Amino acid sequence: MNARNGFIGIVLAGVGGQGLVTIGTLLGEAAVLEGRNACLSSTYGTEARGTFTKSDVLVGNGEIDFIEVVEPDALLCLAQQAFDRYAPRLEAEGAERTLLLYDSDLVTPSALCRARSVDIPFARLASERGAPGAANLAALGAVVGLTGAARPESVRAVLESRAFRKGSAEAFEEGLRAARSAEQEPSER
C-alpha cells in the first residue's frame, strides 16, 4: 500500500470488547521492532463492551506530529456500528483511496461505498481455528497482509512475547492467508 506523506494511517473500528486496542498496540510494537515510528490513539465509551471503539495507528519512518488518523489509508470495521459511523466518509468523493476491510458476517456496507473493499469473515475464521475470541487477530493478519504497515514476522515476534489463548497465532496466520487470497480476487465494489 502506498502511504500518504510517508505514513500509513489505519483506523481499527468496532465495539468495545473486540480487542481493537490490543491489535493496534501489537501493530505499533511490530513496526517499532522494524525501526519505524508508530503511534496509537484510542477512543472508546465508558462501558466495557458494546459501545463504539476505535484505535488509530500511524506508522512511518519520520516523526509523528499528530496522533489521530485524519484520512485513513485503511479502515477495519468489525461491527455494523463502526461502518455506519464512517459511511459518509466512505461514500464521499476521494474514498477510493481508502481500503475498507470488514467482517463479512457482521458488516454490510452501503451500496454507495466508494472505498476499495475487502470482506473477510474474521470471527468465523478465528472460530474455525479454535479461538472464537481471536477475530481481532485474524483481522490483524489481514491488515498486515494488505497494508504492509508491519512485516508478518515482526507481528509474530510480538505475539510470541505475549501470552495469548490457544489458536490466536493460528487466527493471525489465517487472516494473512485470507488477505493474500483477497488480493488475487477482483473486488465487486
C-alpha atoms as a PDB file:
ATOM      1  CA  MET A   1       0.000   0.000   0.000  1.00  0.00           C
ATOM      2  CA  ASN A   2       1.310   3.445  -0.848  1.00  0.00           C
ATOM      3  CA  ALA A   3       1.469   5.590   2.245  1.00  0.00           C
ATOM      4  CA  ARG A   4       0.394   9.210   2.162  1.00  0.00           C
ATOM      5  CA  ASN A   5       3.130  11.607   3.255  1.00  0.00           C
ATOM      6  CA  GLY A   6       5.377   8.668   4.164  1.00  0.00           C
ATOM      7  CA  PHE A   7       2.938   7.314   6.749  1.00  0.00           C
ATOM      8  CA  ILE A   8       0.323   4.601   6.748  1.00  0.00           C
ATOM      9  CA  GLY A   9      -2.775   5.619   8.695  1.00  0.00           C
ATOM     10  CA  ILE A  10      -5.039   2.798   9.822  1.00  0.00           C
ATOM     11  CA  VAL A  11      -8.325   3.055  11.716  1.00  0.00           C
ATOM     12  CA  LEU A  12      -9.435  -0.064  13.587  1.00  0.00           C
ATOM     13  CA  ALA A  13     -13.134   0.329  14.420  1.00  0.00           C
ATOM     14  CA  GLY A  14     -15.799  -1.774  16.084  1.00  0.00           C
ATOM     15  CA  VAL A  15     -17.343  -2.069  19.510  1.00  0.00           C
ATOM     16  CA  GLY A  16     -15.837  -2.448  22.955  1.00  0.00           C
ATOM     17  CA  GLY A  17     -14.657  -5.951  23.774  1.00  0.00           C
ATOM     18  CA  GLN A  18     -13.437  -6.804  20.263  1.00  0.00           C
ATOM     19  CA  GLY A  19      -9.759  -6.257  21.091  1.00  0.00           C
ATOM     20  CA  LEU A  20      -9.118  -3.301  18.799  1.00  0.00           C
ATOM     21  CA  VAL A  21      -6.822  -1.501  21.245  1.00  0.00           C
ATOM     22  CA  THR A  22      -4.895  -4.766  21.628  1.00  0.00           C
ATOM     23  CA  ILE A  23      -4.290  -5.244  17.915  1.00  0.00           C
ATOM     24  CA  GLY A  24      -3.435  -1.562  17.492  1.00  0.00           C
ATOM     25  CA  THR A  25      -0.793  -1.970  20.179  1.00  0.00           C
ATOM     26  CA  LEU A  26       0.570  -5.144  18.583  1.00  0.00           C
ATOM     27  CA  LEU A  27       0.774  -3.480  15.170  1.00  0.00           C
ATOM     28  CA  GLY A  28       2.573  -0.454  16.596  1.00  0.00           C
ATOM     29  CA  GLU A  29       5.045  -2.600  18.537  1.00  0.00           C
ATOM     30  CA  ALA A  30       5.787  -4.669  15.434  1.00  0.00           C
ATOM     31  CA  ALA A  31       6.540  -1.507  13.442  1.00  0.00           C
ATOM     32  CA  VAL A  32       8.844  -0.236  16.207  1.00  0.00           C
ATOM     33  CA  LEU A  33      10.714  -3.579  16.136  1.00  0.00           C
ATOM     34  CA  GLU A  34      11.450  -2.770  12.479  1.00  0.00           C
ATOM     35  CA  GLY A  35      12.947   0.595  13.440  1.00  0.00           C
ATOM     36  CA  ARG A  36       9.934   2.618  12.319  1.00  0.00           C
ATOM     37  CA  ASN A  37       7.894   5.101  14.279  1.00  0.00           C
ATOM     38  CA  ALA A  38       4.387   4.227  15.392  1.00  0.00           C
ATOM     39  CA  CYS A  39       1.651   5.916  17.329  1.00  0.00           C
ATOM     40  CA  LEU A  40      -1.657   4.661  18.731  1.00  0.00           C
ATOM     41  CA  SER A  41      -4.615   6.680  19.936  1.00  0.00           C
ATOM     42  CA  SER A  42      -7.880   5.113  21.024  1.00  0.00           C
ATOM     43  CA  THR A  43     -11.428   6.251  21.623  1.00  0.00           C
ATOM     44  CA  TYR A  44     -13.991   4.169  23.458  1.00  0.00           C
ATOM     45  CA  GLY A  45     -17.140   4.527  25.506  1.00  0.00           C
ATOM     46  CA  THR A  46     -17.325   4.291  29.269  1.00  0.00           C
ATOM     47  CA  GLU A  47     -18.991   0.887  29.114  1.00  0.00           C
ATOM     48  CA  ALA A  48     -16.642  -2.093  28.946  1.00  0.00           C
ATOM     49  CA  ARG A  49     -18.401  -3.698  25.979  1.00  0.00           C
ATOM     50  CA  GLY A  50     -20.771  -2.848  23.174  1.00  0.00           C
ATOM     51  CA  THR A  51     -20.143   0.846  22.534  1.00  0.00           C
ATOM     52  CA  PHE A  52     -18.245   2.307  19.580  1.00  0.00           C
ATOM     53  CA  THR A  53     -14.483   1.878  19.838  1.00  0.00           C
ATOM     54  CA  LYS A  54     -11.674   2.880  17.532  1.00  0.00           C
ATOM     55  CA  SER A  55      -7.922   2.835  17.515  1.00  0.00           C
ATOM     56  CA  ASP A  56      -5.903   4.974  15.147  1.00  0.00           C
ATOM     57  CA  VAL A  57      -2.481   3.624  14.234  1.00  0.00           C
ATOM     58  CA  LEU A  58       0.096   5.690  12.366  1.00  0.00           C
ATOM     59  CA  VAL A  59       3.252   4.002  11.093  1.00  0.00           C
ATOM     60  CA  GLY A  60       6.097   5.665   9.228  1.00  0.00           C
ATOM     61  CA  ASN A  61       9.763   6.479   9.096  1.00  0.00           C
ATOM     62  CA  GLY A  62       9.558  10.134  10.090  1.00  0.00           C
ATOM     63  CA  GLU A  63       8.409  11.998  13.159  1.00  0.00           C
ATOM     64  CA  ILE A  64       4.735  11.704  14.024  1.00  0.00           C
ATOM     65  CA  ASP A  65       3.344  15.084  14.946  1.00  0.00           C
ATOM     66  CA  PHE A  66      -0.390  14.315  15.167  1.00  0.00           C
ATOM     67  CA  ILE A  67      -1.706  11.155  16.774  1.00  0.00           C
ATOM     68  CA  GLU A  68      -5.049  10.744  15.002  1.00  0.00           C
ATOM     69  CA  VAL A  69      -5.635   9.403  11.526  1.00  0.00           C
ATOM     70  CA  VAL A  70      -7.387  12.154   9.563  1.00  0.00           C
ATOM     71  CA  GLU A  71      -7.548  10.419   6.174  1.00  0.00           C
ATOM     72  CA  PRO A  72      -7.230   6.664   6.668  1.00  0.00           C
ATOM     73  CA  ASP A  73      -5.308   4.597   4.165  1.00  0.00           C
ATOM     74  CA  ALA A  74      -7.115   1.594   5.627  1.00  0.00           C
ATOM     75  CA  LEU A  75     -10.248   1.235   7.743  1.00  0.00           C
ATOM     76  CA  LEU A  76     -11.084  -2.011   9.524  1.00  0.00           C
ATOM     77  CA  CYS A  77     -14.742  -2.413  10.563  1.00  0.00           C
ATOM     78  CA  LEU A  78     -15.620  -5.305  12.861  1.00  0.00           C
ATOM     79  CA  ALA A  79     -19.170  -4.121  13.594  1.00  0.00           C
ATOM     80  CA  GLN A  80     -22.009  -2.511  11.654  1.00  0.00           C
ATOM     81  CA  GLN A  81     -21.978   0.387  14.098  1.00  0.00           C
ATOM     82  CA  ALA A  82     -18.392   1.142  13.058  1.00  0.00           C
ATOM     83  CA  PHE A  83     -19.190   1.086   9.351  1.00  0.00           C
ATOM     84  CA  ASP A  84     -22.234   3.306   9.902  1.00  0.00           C
ATOM     85  CA  ARG A  85     -20.068   5.828  11.730  1.00  0.00           C
ATOM     86  CA  TYR A  86     -17.660   6.058   8.778  1.00  0.00           C
ATOM     87  CA  ALA A  87     -20.221   5.644   5.953  1.00  0.00           C
ATOM     88  CA  PRO A  88     -20.341   9.345   4.999  1.00  0.00           C
ATOM     89  CA  ARG A  89     -16.556   9.376   4.584  1.00  0.00           C
ATOM     90  CA  LEU A  90     -16.602   6.114   2.611  1.00  0.00           C
ATOM     91  CA  GLU A  91     -19.332   7.404   0.295  1.00  0.00           C
ATOM     92  CA  ALA A  92     -17.615  10.734  -0.419  1.00  0.00           C
ATOM     93  CA  GLU A  93     -15.519  11.623  -3.423  1.00  0.00           C
ATOM     94  CA  GLY A  94     -11.931  10.524  -2.865  1.00  0.00           C
ATOM     95  CA  ALA A  95     -12.897   7.497  -0.751  1.00  0.00           C
ATOM     96  CA  GLU A  96     -11.415   5.300  -3.483  1.00  0.00           C
ATOM     97  CA  ARG A  97      -8.022   5.908  -1.859  1.00  0.00           C
ATOM     98  CA  THR A  98      -9.163   4.118   1.309  1.00  0.00           C
ATOM     99  CA  LEU A  99      -9.014   0.366   1.759  1.00  0.00           C
ATOM    100  CA  LEU A 100     -12.069  -0.875   3.672  1.00  0.00           C
ATOM    101  CA  LEU A 101     -11.636  -4.234   5.405  1.00  0.00           C
ATOM    102  CA  TYR A 102     -14.704  -5.625   7.111  1.00  0.00           C
ATOM    103  CA  ASP A 103     -16.079  -8.763   8.706  1.00  0.00           C
ATOM    104  CA  SER A 104     -18.431 -10.089   6.047  1.00  0.00           C
ATOM    105  CA  ASP A 105     -20.584 -11.857   8.663  1.00  0.00           C
ATOM    106  CA  LEU A 106     -21.092  -8.731  10.772  1.00  0.00           C
ATOM    107  CA  VAL A 107     -20.964  -5.732   8.439  1.00  0.00           C
ATOM    108  CA  THR A 108     -22.985  -4.825   5.347  1.00  0.00           C
ATOM    109  CA  PRO A 109     -21.522  -1.788   3.573  1.00  0.00           C
ATOM    110  CA  SER A 110     -23.902   0.616   1.905  1.00  0.00           C
ATOM    111  CA  ALA A 111     -24.307   0.438  -1.856  1.00  0.00           C
ATOM    112  CA  LEU A 112     -22.859   3.974  -2.026  1.00  0.00           C
ATOM    113  CA  CYS A 113     -19.497   2.956  -0.530  1.00  0.00           C
ATOM    114  CA  ARG A 114     -16.678   4.047  -2.865  1.00  0.00           C
ATOM    115  CA  ALA A 115     -13.763   2.607  -0.889  1.00  0.00           C
ATOM    116  CA  ARG A 116     -11.805  -0.355  -2.191  1.00  0.00           C
ATOM    117  CA  SER A 117     -13.459  -3.119  -0.179  1.00  0.00           C
ATOM    118  CA  VAL A 118     -12.239  -6.458   1.101  1.00  0.00           C
ATOM    119  CA  ASP A 119     -14.643  -8.654   3.026  1.00  0.00           C
ATOM    120  CA  ILE A 120     -13.320 -11.464   5.207  1.00  0.00           C
ATOM    121  CA  PRO A 121     -15.305 -13.398   7.842  1.00  0.00           C
ATOM    122  CA  PHE A 122     -12.833 -12.740  10.689  1.00  0.00           C
ATOM    123  CA  ALA A 123     -14.974 -14.114  13.526  1.00  0.00           C
ATOM    124  CA  ARG A 124     -15.709 -17.300  11.592  1.00  0.00           C
ATOM    125  CA  LEU A 125     -12.030 -17.795  10.662  1.00  0.00           C
ATOM    126  CA  ALA A 126     -10.965 -17.455  14.298  1.00  0.00           C
ATOM    127  CA  SER A 127     -13.699 -19.782  15.480  1.00  0.00           C
ATOM    128  CA  GLU A 128     -12.673 -22.399  12.903  1.00  0.00           C
ATOM    129  CA  ARG A 129      -9.138 -22.220  14.318  1.00  0.00           C
ATOM    130  CA  GLY A 130     -10.431 -22.983  17.812  1.00  0.00           C
ATOM    131  CA  ALA A 131     -10.101 -19.411  19.048  1.00  0.00           C
ATOM    132  CA  PRO A 132     -13.530 -17.742  18.814  1.00  0.00           C
ATOM    133  CA  GLY A 133     -12.255 -14.754  20.778  1.00  0.00           C
ATOM    134  CA  ALA A 134      -9.403 -14.108  18.341  1.00  0.00           C
ATOM    135  CA  ALA A 135     -11.304 -12.478  15.481  1.00  0.00           C
ATOM    136  CA  ASN A 136      -9.226  -9.381  16.200  1.00  0.00           C
ATOM    137  CA  LEU A 137      -6.026 -11.318  15.494  1.00  0.00           C
ATOM    138  CA  ALA A 138      -7.432 -12.684  12.240  1.00  0.00           C
ATOM    139  CA  ALA A 139      -8.248  -9.076  11.336  1.00  0.00           C
ATOM    140  CA  LEU A 140      -4.720  -8.019  12.303  1.00  0.00           C
ATOM    141  CA  GLY A 141      -3.344 -10.636   9.902  1.00  0.00           C
ATOM    142  CA  ALA A 142      -5.430  -9.185   7.082  1.00  0.00           C
ATOM    143  CA  VAL A 143      -4.441  -5.604   7.961  1.00  0.00           C
ATOM    144  CA  VAL A 144      -0.760  -6.556   7.925  1.00  0.00           C
ATOM    145  CA  GLY A 145      -1.133  -8.555   4.722  1.00  0.00           C
ATOM    146  CA  LEU A 146      -2.947  -5.806   2.830  1.00  0.00           C
ATOM    147  CA  THR A 147      -1.252  -2.655   4.135  1.00  0.00           C
ATOM    148  CA  GLY A 148       2.351  -3.620   4.806  1.00  0.00           C
ATOM    149  CA  ALA A 149       2.248  -1.492   7.962  1.00  0.00           C
ATOM    150  CA  ALA A 150       4.493  -4.132   9.555  1.00  0.00           C
ATOM    151  CA  ARG A 151       6.065  -7.338   8.361  1.00  0.00           C
ATOM    152  CA  PRO A 152       4.310 -10.573   9.379  1.00  0.00           C
ATOM    153  CA  GLU A 153       7.470 -11.849  11.088  1.00  0.00           C
ATOM    154  CA  SER A 154       7.579  -8.712  13.273  1.00  0.00           C
ATOM    155  CA  VAL A 155       3.978  -9.274  14.360  1.00  0.00           C
ATOM    156  CA  ARG A 156       4.766 -12.931  15.038  1.00  0.00           C
ATOM    157  CA  ALA A 157       7.675 -11.880  17.279  1.00  0.00           C
ATOM    158  CA  VAL A 158       5.408  -9.557  19.261  1.00  0.00           C
ATOM    159  CA  LEU A 159       2.731 -12.263  19.536  1.00  0.00           C
ATOM    160  CA  GLU A 160       5.295 -14.784  20.787  1.00  0.00           C
ATOM    161  CA  SER A 161       6.372 -12.370  23.519  1.00  0.00           C
ATOM    162  CA  ARG A 162       2.819 -12.331  24.924  1.00  0.00           C
ATOM    163  CA  ALA A 163       0.585 -14.953  26.452  1.00  0.00           C
ATOM    164  CA  PHE A 164      -2.397 -15.339  24.120  1.00  0.00           C
ATOM    165  CA  ARG A 165      -5.035 -18.052  24.124  1.00  0.00           C
ATOM    166  CA  LYS A 166      -4.562 -21.203  22.118  1.00  0.00           C
ATOM    167  CA  GLY A 167      -5.443 -20.621  18.473  1.00  0.00           C
ATOM    168  CA  SER A 168      -4.581 -16.913  18.475  1.00  0.00           C
ATOM    169  CA  ALA A 169      -1.424 -17.264  16.382  1.00  0.00           C
ATOM    170  CA  GLU A 170      -3.328 -19.528  14.006  1.00  0.00           C
ATOM    171  CA  ALA A 171      -6.061 -16.894  13.680  1.00  0.00           C
ATOM    172  CA  PHE A 172      -3.401 -14.293  12.752  1.00  0.00           C
ATOM    173  CA  GLU A 173      -1.992 -16.651  10.111  1.00  0.00           C
ATOM    174  CA  GLU A 174      -5.473 -17.355   8.741  1.00  0.00           C
ATOM    175  CA  GLY A 175      -6.058 -13.598   8.406  1.00  0.00           C
ATOM    176  CA  LEU A 176      -2.797 -13.301   6.459  1.00  0.00           C
ATOM    177  CA  ARG A 177      -3.865 -16.114   4.129  1.00  0.00           C
ATOM    178  CA  ALA A 178      -7.274 -14.545   3.617  1.00  0.00           C
ATOM    179  CA  ALA A 179      -5.619 -11.226   2.740  1.00  0.00           C
ATOM    180  CA  ARG A 180      -3.422 -12.900   0.138  1.00  0.00           C
ATOM    181  CA  SER A 181      -6.487 -14.574  -1.382  1.00  0.00           C
ATOM    182  CA  ALA A 182      -8.396 -11.276  -1.372  1.00  0.00           C
ATOM    183  CA  GLU A 183      -5.547  -9.528  -3.219  1.00  0.00           C
ATOM    184  CA  GLN A 184      -5.858 -12.037  -6.029  1.00  0.00           C
ATOM    185  CA  GLU A 185      -9.641 -11.730  -6.382  1.00  0.00           C
ATOM    186  CA  PRO A 186     -11.130  -8.684  -8.077  1.00  0.00           C
ATOM    187  CA  SER A 187     -13.392  -6.690  -5.793  1.00  0.00           C
ATOM    188  CA  GLU A 188     -17.052  -6.408  -6.707  1.00  0.00           C
ATOM    189  CA  ARG A 189     -17.091  -2.840  -5.410  1.00  0.00           C
END
